[in-house]
Each structure stands twice: as C-alpha cells, then as structure tokens.
Amino acid sequence: MSSVECQIEDEINKTLLRSYVLKEETRNIFEMRKKHADASSEAQEIEKLRNALQKEMEQLKSVIATSIKRFTYCSDLLKTIVVND
C-alpha cells in the first residue's frame, strides 16, 4: 500500500489562466420599455412608502410633544408637593 502525498506547493505556484469572452448584447424596444415601466413603478412604490413614513413621523412627533408636556407637568407638580411639605 503506497501513500500519495499532495503537492500543495505545486498547486499554489500554478498561474491561473483566465479567458474573457466579449458578449454582444442586443435589446429590443419592448424589453427597454418593460425595464423602464418596472423602474417607474418601483420609484412610485418607494415614494408612497416615503410619504407614509413621513406621515407616521409627524404623528410620532405629536405624541412625543404631548408626552413631554405631561412629564413636565407631573415633574412640576411633584416639585411643588416636595417644596410645600
């Protein structure tokens, strides 16, 4: 029984051969229109999402402002209670 040794150095020192093939691409007007329509619909969806997020942000700003006012009122009330006691 003979053992086969792997010659790692031989594999590492091999130069890699790469070949590049130029490919000519042709598209017809229907493919271009479809890609344009897809891109346009995607842009519209993104715009709708942006508008929805902006609306939600405005609502959250209102909730935060109300919460800050309540916190300030409660804090002032507690300060008044502590000072009067």
PDB file of N, CA and C in Angstrom:
ATOM      1  N   MET A   1       0.842  -1.174   0.000  1.00  0.00           N
ATOM      2  CA  MET A   1       0.000   0.000   0.000  1.00  0.00           C
ATOM      3  C   MET A   1       0.892   1.243   0.000  1.00  0.00           C
ATOM      4  N   SER A   2       0.724   2.066  -1.003  1.00  0.00           N
ATOM      5  CA  SER A   2       1.558   3.261  -1.082  1.00  0.00           C
ATOM      6  C   SER A   2       0.716   4.489  -0.753  1.00  0.00           C
ATOM      7  N   SER A   3       1.318   5.434  -0.111  1.00  0.00           N
ATOM      8  CA  SER A   3       0.595   6.664   0.232  1.00  0.00           C
ATOM      9  C   SER A   3       0.888   7.729  -0.821  1.00  0.00           C
ATOM     10  N   VAL A   4      -0.125   8.489  -1.156  1.00  0.00           N
ATOM     11  CA  VAL A   4       0.005   9.555  -2.150  1.00  0.00           C
ATOM     12  C   VAL A   4       0.045  10.879  -1.397  1.00  0.00           C
ATOM     13  N   GLU A   5       1.085  11.634  -1.636  1.00  0.00           N
ATOM     14  CA  GLU A   5       1.212  12.916  -0.965  1.00  0.00           C
ATOM     15  C   GLU A   5       0.726  14.024  -1.888  1.00  0.00           C
ATOM     16  N   CYS A   6       0.071  14.977  -1.298  1.00  0.00           N
ATOM     17  CA  CYS A   6      -0.436  16.114  -2.069  1.00  0.00           C
ATOM     18  C   CYS A   6       0.653  17.172  -2.145  1.00  0.00           C
ATOM     19  N   GLN A   7       0.953  17.604  -3.318  1.00  0.00           N
ATOM     20  CA  GLN A   7       1.981  18.611  -3.521  1.00  0.00           C
ATOM     21  C   GLN A   7       1.328  19.998  -3.525  1.00  0.00           C
ATOM     22  N   ILE A   8       1.152  20.577  -2.344  1.00  0.00           N
ATOM     23  CA  ILE A   8       0.474  21.865  -2.213  1.00  0.00           C
ATOM     24  C   ILE A   8       1.262  22.972  -2.898  1.00  0.00           C
ATOM     25  N   GLU A   9       2.592  22.936  -2.778  1.00  0.00           N
ATOM     26  CA  GLU A   9       3.408  23.991  -3.368  1.00  0.00           C
ATOM     27  C   GLU A   9       3.212  24.060  -4.879  1.00  0.00           C
ATOM     28  N   ASP A  10       3.080  22.914  -5.511  1.00  0.00           N
ATOM     29  CA  ASP A  10       2.875  22.885  -6.955  1.00  0.00           C
ATOM     30  C   ASP A  10       1.568  23.564  -7.337  1.00  0.00           C
ATOM     31  N   GLU A  11       0.535  23.316  -6.542  1.00  0.00           N
ATOM     32  CA  GLU A  11      -0.771  23.918  -6.829  1.00  0.00           C
ATOM     33  C   GLU A  11      -0.755  25.423  -6.585  1.00  0.00           C
ATOM     34  N   ILE A  12      -0.071  25.854  -5.543  1.00  0.00           N
ATOM     35  CA  ILE A  12      -0.022  27.279  -5.215  1.00  0.00           C
ATOM     36  C   ILE A  12       0.730  28.054  -6.285  1.00  0.00           C
ATOM     37  N   ASN A  13       1.790  27.483  -6.814  1.00  0.00           N
ATOM     38  CA  ASN A  13       2.632  28.198  -7.763  1.00  0.00           C
ATOM     39  C   ASN A  13       2.105  28.184  -9.193  1.00  0.00           C
ATOM     40  N   LYS A  14       1.038  27.471  -9.447  1.00  0.00           N
ATOM     41  CA  LYS A  14       0.473  27.470 -10.798  1.00  0.00           C
ATOM     42  C   LYS A  14      -0.139  28.829 -11.093  1.00  0.00           C
ATOM     43  N   THR A  15       0.066  29.303 -12.293  1.00  0.00           N
ATOM     44  CA  THR A  15      -0.567  30.553 -12.689  1.00  0.00           C
ATOM     45  C   THR A  15      -1.966  30.235 -13.212  1.00  0.00           C
ATOM     46  N   LEU A  16      -2.867  31.062 -12.836  1.00  0.00           N
ATOM     47  CA  LEU A  16      -4.241  30.854 -13.265  1.00  0.00           C
ATOM     48  C   LEU A  16      -4.442  31.410 -14.660  1.00  0.00           C
ATOM     49  N   LEU A  17      -5.062  30.636 -15.472  1.00  0.00           N
ATOM     50  CA  LEU A  17      -5.361  31.083 -16.834  1.00  0.00           C
ATOM     51  C   LEU A  17      -6.810  31.526 -16.876  1.00  0.00           C
ATOM     52  N   ARG A  18      -6.990  32.727 -17.303  1.00  0.00           N
ATOM     53  CA  ARG A  18      -8.347  33.264 -17.409  1.00  0.00           C
ATOM     54  C   ARG A  18      -8.587  33.667 -18.842  1.00  0.00           C
ATOM     55  N   SER A  19      -9.761  33.373 -19.296  1.00  0.00           N
ATOM     56  CA  SER A  19     -10.100  33.805 -20.644  1.00  0.00           C
ATOM     57  C   SER A  19     -11.380  34.625 -20.557  1.00  0.00           C
ATOM     58  N   TYR A  20     -11.397  35.688 -21.273  1.00  0.00           N
ATOM     59  CA  TYR A  20     -12.538  36.596 -21.291  1.00  0.00           C
ATOM     60  C   TYR A  20     -13.202  36.515 -22.649  1.00  0.00           C
ATOM     61  N   VAL A  21     -14.507  36.484 -22.624  1.00  0.00           N
ATOM     62  CA  VAL A  21     -15.264  36.415 -23.862  1.00  0.00           C
ATOM     63  C   VAL A  21     -16.122  37.668 -23.935  1.00  0.00           C
ATOM     64  N   LEU A  22     -15.970  38.392 -24.994  1.00  0.00           N
ATOM     65  CA  LEU A  22     -16.807  39.560 -25.201  1.00  0.00           C
ATOM     66  C   LEU A  22     -18.169  39.100 -25.698  1.00  0.00           C
ATOM     67  N   LYS A  23     -19.210  39.630 -25.083  1.00  0.00           N
ATOM     68  CA  LYS A  23     -20.558  39.232 -25.455  1.00  0.00           C
ATOM     69  C   LYS A  23     -21.301  40.476 -25.927  1.00  0.00           C
ATOM     70  N   GLU A  24     -21.833  40.380 -27.061  1.00  0.00           N
ATOM     71  CA  GLU A  24     -22.586  41.496 -27.606  1.00  0.00           C
ATOM     72  C   GLU A  24     -24.029  41.346 -27.155  1.00  0.00           C
ATOM     73  N   GLU A  25     -24.559  42.400 -26.591  1.00  0.00           N
ATOM     74  CA  GLU A  25     -25.919  42.336 -26.071  1.00  0.00           C
ATOM     75  C   GLU A  25     -26.820  43.232 -26.907  1.00  0.00           C
ATOM     76  N   THR A  26     -27.892  42.670 -27.313  1.00  0.00           N
ATOM     77  CA  THR A  26     -28.872  43.454 -28.050  1.00  0.00           C
ATOM     78  C   THR A  26     -30.192  43.413 -27.292  1.00  0.00           C
ATOM     79  N   ARG A  27     -30.874  44.533 -27.293  1.00  0.00           N
ATOM     80  CA  ARG A  27     -32.175  44.613 -26.639  1.00  0.00           C
ATOM     81  C   ARG A  27     -33.153  45.237 -27.612  1.00  0.00           C
ATOM     82  N   ASN A  28     -34.367  44.812 -27.491  1.00  0.00           N
ATOM     83  CA  ASN A  28     -35.358  45.434 -28.351  1.00  0.00           C
ATOM     84  C   ASN A  28     -36.136  46.483 -27.564  1.00  0.00           C
ATOM     85  N   ILE A  29     -36.948  47.229 -28.257  1.00  0.00           N
ATOM     86  CA  ILE A  29     -37.665  48.349 -27.649  1.00  0.00           C
ATOM     87  C   ILE A  29     -38.647  47.870 -26.576  1.00  0.00           C
ATOM     88  N   PHE A  30     -39.203  46.679 -26.747  1.00  0.00           N
ATOM     89  CA  PHE A  30     -40.168  46.170 -25.773  1.00  0.00           C
ATOM     90  C   PHE A  30     -39.492  45.845 -24.440  1.00  0.00           C
ATOM     91  N   GLU A  31     -38.299  45.264 -24.506  1.00  0.00           N
ATOM     92  CA  GLU A  31     -37.549  44.985 -23.283  1.00  0.00           C
ATOM     93  C   GLU A  31     -37.188  46.276 -22.567  1.00  0.00           C
ATOM     94  N   MET A  32     -36.774  47.282 -23.340  1.00  0.00           N
ATOM     95  CA  MET A  32     -36.411  48.565 -22.746  1.00  0.00           C
ATOM     96  C   MET A  32     -37.625  49.230 -22.113  1.00  0.00           C
ATOM     97  N   ARG A  33     -38.774  49.177 -22.767  1.00  0.00           N
ATOM     98  CA  ARG A  33     -39.999  49.761 -22.204  1.00  0.00           C
ATOM     99  C   ARG A  33     -40.397  49.045 -20.915  1.00  0.00           C
ATOM    100  N   LYS A  34     -40.270  47.707 -20.913  1.00  0.00           N
ATOM    101  CA  LYS A  34     -40.627  46.939 -19.719  1.00  0.00           C
ATOM    102  C   LYS A  34     -39.722  47.313 -18.553  1.00  0.00           C
ATOM    103  N   LYS A  35     -38.418  47.402 -18.790  1.00  0.00           N
ATOM    104  CA  LYS A  35     -37.487  47.790 -17.731  1.00  0.00           C
ATOM    105  C   LYS A  35     -37.798  49.190 -17.218  1.00  0.00           C
ATOM    106  N   HIS A  36     -38.133  50.092 -18.128  1.00  0.00           N
ATOM    107  CA  HIS A  36     -38.479  51.458 -17.733  1.00  0.00           C
ATOM    108  C   HIS A  36     -39.753  51.468 -16.900  1.00  0.00           C
ATOM    109  N   ALA A  37     -40.757  50.710 -17.323  1.00  0.00           N
ATOM    110  CA  ALA A  37     -42.016  50.644 -16.577  1.00  0.00           C
ATOM    111  C   ALA A  37     -41.801  50.038 -15.197  1.00  0.00           C
ATOM    112  N   ASP A  38     -40.989  48.995 -15.124  1.00  0.00           N
ATOM    113  CA  ASP A  38     -40.687  48.379 -13.831  1.00  0.00           C
ATOM    114  C   ASP A  38     -39.985  49.377 -12.902  1.00  0.00           C
ATOM    115  N   ALA A  39     -39.026  50.097 -13.449  1.00  0.00           N
ATOM    116  CA  ALA A  39     -38.294  51.078 -12.645  1.00  0.00           C
ATOM    117  C   ALA A  39     -39.222  52.203 -12.194  1.00  0.00           C
ATOM    118  N   SER A  40     -40.118  52.627 -13.077  1.00  0.00           N
ATOM    119  CA  SER A  40     -41.057  53.690 -12.724  1.00  0.00           C
ATOM    120  C   SER A  40     -42.006  53.248 -11.619  1.00  0.00           C
ATOM    121  N   SER A  41     -42.528  52.033 -11.718  1.00  0.00           N
ATOM    122  CA  SER A  41     -43.447  51.548 -10.693  1.00  0.00           C
ATOM    123  C   SER A  41     -42.721  51.368  -9.363  1.00  0.00           C
ATOM    124  N   GLU A  42     -41.477  50.939  -9.420  1.00  0.00           N
ATOM    125  CA  GLU A  42     -40.694  50.795  -8.189  1.00  0.00           C
ATOM    126  C   GLU A  42     -40.451  52.156  -7.557  1.00  0.00           C
ATOM    127  N   ALA A  43     -40.168  53.156  -8.372  1.00  0.00           N
ATOM    128  CA  ALA A  43     -39.958  54.509  -7.854  1.00  0.00           C
ATOM    129  C   ALA A  43     -41.236  55.045  -7.214  1.00  0.00           C
ATOM    130  N   GLN A  44     -42.390  54.747  -7.813  1.00  0.00           N
ATOM    131  CA  GLN A  44     -43.664  55.188  -7.239  1.00  0.00           C
ATOM    132  C   GLN A  44     -43.930  54.501  -5.906  1.00  0.00           C
ATOM    133  N   GLU A  45     -43.604  53.211  -5.815  1.00  0.00           N
ATOM    134  CA  GLU A  45     -43.787  52.485  -4.555  1.00  0.00           C
ATOM    135  C   GLU A  45     -42.884  53.066  -3.467  1.00  0.00           C
ATOM    136  N   ILE A  46     -41.663  53.398  -3.827  1.00  0.00           N
ATOM    137  CA  ILE A  46     -40.732  53.989  -2.868  1.00  0.00           C
ATOM    138  C   ILE A  46     -41.259  55.344  -2.402  1.00  0.00           C
ATOM    139  N   GLU A  47     -41.802  56.123  -3.318  1.00  0.00           N
ATOM    140  CA  GLU A  47     -42.351  57.434  -2.967  1.00  0.00           C
ATOM    141  C   GLU A  47     -43.540  57.284  -2.022  1.00  0.00           C
ATOM    142  N   LYS A  48     -44.405  56.309  -2.277  1.00  0.00           N
ATOM    143  CA  LYS A  48     -45.547  56.065  -1.385  1.00  0.00           C
ATOM    144  C   LYS A  48     -45.068  55.668   0.002  1.00  0.00           C
ATOM    145  N   LEU A  49     -44.074  54.807   0.063  1.00  0.00           N
ATOM    146  CA  LEU A  49     -43.524  54.370   1.341  1.00  0.00           C
ATOM    147  C   LEU A  49     -42.906  55.548   2.085  1.00  0.00           C
ATOM    148  N   ARG A  50     -42.185  56.388   1.376  1.00  0.00           N
ATOM    149  CA  ARG A  50     -41.571  57.574   1.987  1.00  0.00           C
ATOM    150  C   ARG A  50     -42.632  58.497   2.555  1.00  0.00           C
ATOM    151  N   ASN A  51     -43.716  58.706   1.804  1.00  0.00           N
ATOM    152  CA  ASN A  51     -44.796  59.570   2.281  1.00  0.00           C
ATOM    153  C   ASN A  51     -45.475  58.980   3.511  1.00  0.00           C
ATOM    154  N   ALA A  52     -45.689  57.666   3.522  1.00  0.00           N
ATOM    155  CA  ALA A  52     -46.307  57.018   4.681  1.00  0.00           C
ATOM    156  C   ALA A  52     -45.411  57.144   5.908  1.00  0.00           C
ATOM    157  N   LEU A  53     -44.111  56.956   5.721  1.00  0.00           N
ATOM    158  CA  LEU A  53     -43.184  57.084   6.837  1.00  0.00           C
ATOM    159  C   LEU A  53     -43.115  58.513   7.349  1.00  0.00           C
ATOM    160  N   GLN A  54     -43.198  59.464   6.442  1.00  0.00           N
ATOM    161  CA  GLN A  54     -43.166  60.865   6.845  1.00  0.00           C
ATOM    162  C   GLN A  54     -44.415  61.213   7.656  1.00  0.00           C
ATOM    163  N   LYS A  55     -45.577  60.695   7.226  1.00  0.00           N
ATOM    164  CA  LYS A  55     -46.817  60.933   7.953  1.00  0.00           C
ATOM    165  C   LYS A  55     -46.744  60.320   9.351  1.00  0.00           C
ATOM    166  N   GLU A  56     -46.225  59.103   9.437  1.00  0.00           N
ATOM    167  CA  GLU A  56     -46.084  58.437  10.732  1.00  0.00           C
ATOM    168  C   GLU A  56     -45.118  59.203  11.634  1.00  0.00           C
ATOM    169  N   MET A  57     -44.054  59.745  11.046  1.00  0.00           N
ATOM    170  CA  MET A  57     -43.098  60.529  11.813  1.00  0.00           C
ATOM    171  C   MET A  57     -43.759  61.773  12.410  1.00  0.00           C
ATOM    172  N   GLU A  58     -44.590  62.431  11.618  1.00  0.00           N
ATOM    173  CA  GLU A  58     -45.297  63.616  12.122  1.00  0.00           C
ATOM    174  C   GLU A  58     -46.234  63.246  13.270  1.00  0.00           C
ATOM    175  N   GLN A  59     -46.910  62.111  13.157  1.00  0.00           N
ATOM    176  CA  GLN A  59     -47.791  61.661  14.236  1.00  0.00           C
ATOM    177  C   GLN A  59     -46.989  61.368  15.496  1.00  0.00           C
ATOM    178  N   LEU A  60     -45.835  60.731  15.323  1.00  0.00           N
ATOM    179  CA  LEU A  60     -44.997  60.411  16.476  1.00  0.00           C
ATOM    180  C   LEU A  60     -44.433  61.675  17.124  1.00  0.00           C
ATOM    181  N   LYS A  61     -44.127  62.671  16.320  1.00  0.00           N
ATOM    182  CA  LYS A  61     -43.663  63.948  16.879  1.00  0.00           C
ATOM    183  C   LYS A  61     -44.735  64.526  17.792  1.00  0.00           C
ATOM    184  N   SER A  62     -45.988  64.446  17.360  1.00  0.00           N
ATOM    185  CA  SER A  62     -47.099  64.952  18.157  1.00  0.00           C
ATOM    186  C   SER A  62     -47.226  64.174  19.466  1.00  0.00           C
ATOM    187  N   VAL A  63     -47.117  62.855  19.395  1.00  0.00           N
ATOM    188  CA  VAL A  63     -47.206  62.018  20.598  1.00  0.00           C
ATOM    189  C   VAL A  63     -46.058  62.337  21.552  1.00  0.00           C
ATOM    190  N   ILE A  64     -44.872  62.502  21.017  1.00  0.00           N
ATOM    191  CA  ILE A  64     -43.708  62.822  21.847  1.00  0.00           C
ATOM    192  C   ILE A  64     -43.884  64.177  22.516  1.00  0.00           C
ATOM    193  N   ALA A  65     -44.357  65.168  21.764  1.00  0.00           N
ATOM    194  CA  ALA A  65     -44.564  66.504  22.331  1.00  0.00           C
ATOM    195  C   ALA A  65     -45.580  66.445  23.463  1.00  0.00           C
ATOM    196  N   THR A  66     -46.659  65.695  23.270  1.00  0.00           N
ATOM    197  CA  THR A  66     -47.674  65.556  24.311  1.00  0.00           C
ATOM    198  C   THR A  66     -47.088  64.859  25.536  1.00  0.00           C
ATOM    199  N   SER A  67     -46.309  63.843  25.334  1.00  0.00           N
ATOM    200  CA  SER A  67     -45.682  63.117  26.447  1.00  0.00           C
ATOM    201  C   SER A  67     -44.723  64.014  27.220  1.00  0.00           C
ATOM    202  N   ILE A  68     -43.969  64.835  26.510  1.00  0.00           N
ATOM    203  CA  ILE A  68     -43.043  65.759  27.173  1.00  0.00           C
ATOM    204  C   ILE A  68     -43.819  66.767  28.015  1.00  0.00           C
ATOM    205  N   LYS A  69     -44.935  67.276  27.491  1.00  0.00           N
ATOM    206  CA  LYS A  69     -45.751  68.225  28.254  1.00  0.00           C
ATOM    207  C   LYS A  69     -46.296  67.575  29.524  1.00  0.00           C
ATOM    208  N   ARG A  70     -46.773  66.329  29.396  1.00  0.00           N
ATOM    209  CA  ARG A  70     -47.285  65.619  30.579  1.00  0.00           C
ATOM    210  C   ARG A  70     -46.173  65.384  31.595  1.00  0.00           C
ATOM    211  N   PHE A  71     -45.015  64.974  31.133  1.00  0.00           N
ATOM    212  CA  PHE A  71     -43.896  64.737  32.020  1.00  0.00           C
ATOM    213  C   PHE A  71     -43.516  66.014  32.757  1.00  0.00           C
ATOM    214  N   THR A  72     -43.447  67.118  32.026  1.00  0.00           N
ATOM    215  CA  THR A  72     -43.092  68.405  32.629  1.00  0.00           C
ATOM    216  C   THR A  72     -44.122  68.802  33.672  1.00  0.00           C
ATOM    217  N   TYR A  73     -45.397  68.626  33.355  1.00  0.00           N
ATOM    218  CA  TYR A  73     -46.472  68.967  34.303  1.00  0.00           C
ATOM    219  C   TYR A  73     -46.337  68.125  35.573  1.00  0.00           C
ATOM    220  N   CYS A  74     -46.151  66.814  35.410  1.00  0.00           N
ATOM    221  CA  CYS A  74     -46.022  65.923  36.570  1.00  0.00           C
ATOM    222  C   CYS A  74     -44.771  66.253  37.385  1.00  0.00           C
ATOM    223  N   SER A  75     -43.689  66.551  36.723  1.00  0.00           N
ATOM    224  CA  SER A  75     -42.450  66.901  37.413  1.00  0.00           C
ATOM    225  C   SER A  75     -42.633  68.188  38.220  1.00  0.00           C
ATOM    226  N   ASP A  76     -43.256  69.189  37.596  1.00  0.00           N
ATOM    227  CA  ASP A  76     -43.508  70.451  38.301  1.00  0.00           C
ATOM    228  C   ASP A  76     -44.434  70.229  39.489  1.00  0.00           C
ATOM    229  N   LEU A  77     -45.447  69.380  39.315  1.00  0.00           N
ATOM    230  CA  LEU A  77     -46.383  69.089  40.393  1.00  0.00           C
ATOM    231  C   LEU A  77     -45.661  68.405  41.557  1.00  0.00           C
ATOM    232  N   LEU A  78     -44.797  67.460  41.254  1.00  0.00           N
ATOM    233  CA  LEU A  78     -44.030  66.796  42.313  1.00  0.00           C
ATOM    234  C   LEU A  78     -43.093  67.768  43.032  1.00  0.00           C
ATOM    235  N   LYS A  79     -42.476  68.665  42.276  1.00  0.00           N
ATOM    236  CA  LYS A  79     -41.601  69.666  42.897  1.00  0.00           C
ATOM    237  C   LYS A  79     -42.401  70.547  43.855  1.00  0.00           C
ATOM    238  N   THR A  80     -43.601  70.920  43.450  1.00  0.00           N
ATOM    239  CA  THR A  80     -44.464  71.756  44.283  1.00  0.00           C
ATOM    240  C   THR A  80     -44.843  71.004  45.552  1.00  0.00           C
ATOM    241  N   ILE A  81     -45.180  69.738  45.437  1.00  0.00           N
ATOM    242  CA  ILE A  81     -45.548  68.928  46.600  1.00  0.00           C
ATOM    243  C   ILE A  81     -44.367  68.818  47.563  1.00  0.00           C
ATOM    244  N   VAL A  82     -43.173  68.587  47.031  1.00  0.00           N
ATOM    245  CA  VAL A  82     -41.989  68.445  47.874  1.00  0.00           C
ATOM    246  C   VAL A  82     -41.664  69.757  48.572  1.00  0.00           C
ATOM    247  N   VAL A  83     -41.770  70.862  47.874  1.00  0.00           N
ATOM    248  CA  VAL A  83     -41.456  72.176  48.469  1.00  0.00           C
ATOM    249  C   VAL A  83     -42.477  72.524  49.557  1.00  0.00           C
ATOM    250  N   ASN A  84     -43.741  72.197  49.351  1.00  0.00           N
ATOM    251  CA  ASN A  84     -44.784  72.545  50.316  1.00  0.00           C
ATOM    252  C   ASN A  84     -44.762  71.621  51.545  1.00  0.00           C
ATOM    253  N   ASP A  85     -44.159  70.489  51.461  1.00  0.00           N
ATOM    254  CA  ASP A  85     -44.135  69.577  52.624  1.00  0.00           C
ATOM    255  C   ASP A  85     -43.029  69.891  53.556  1.00  0.00           C
TER     256      ASP A  85
END
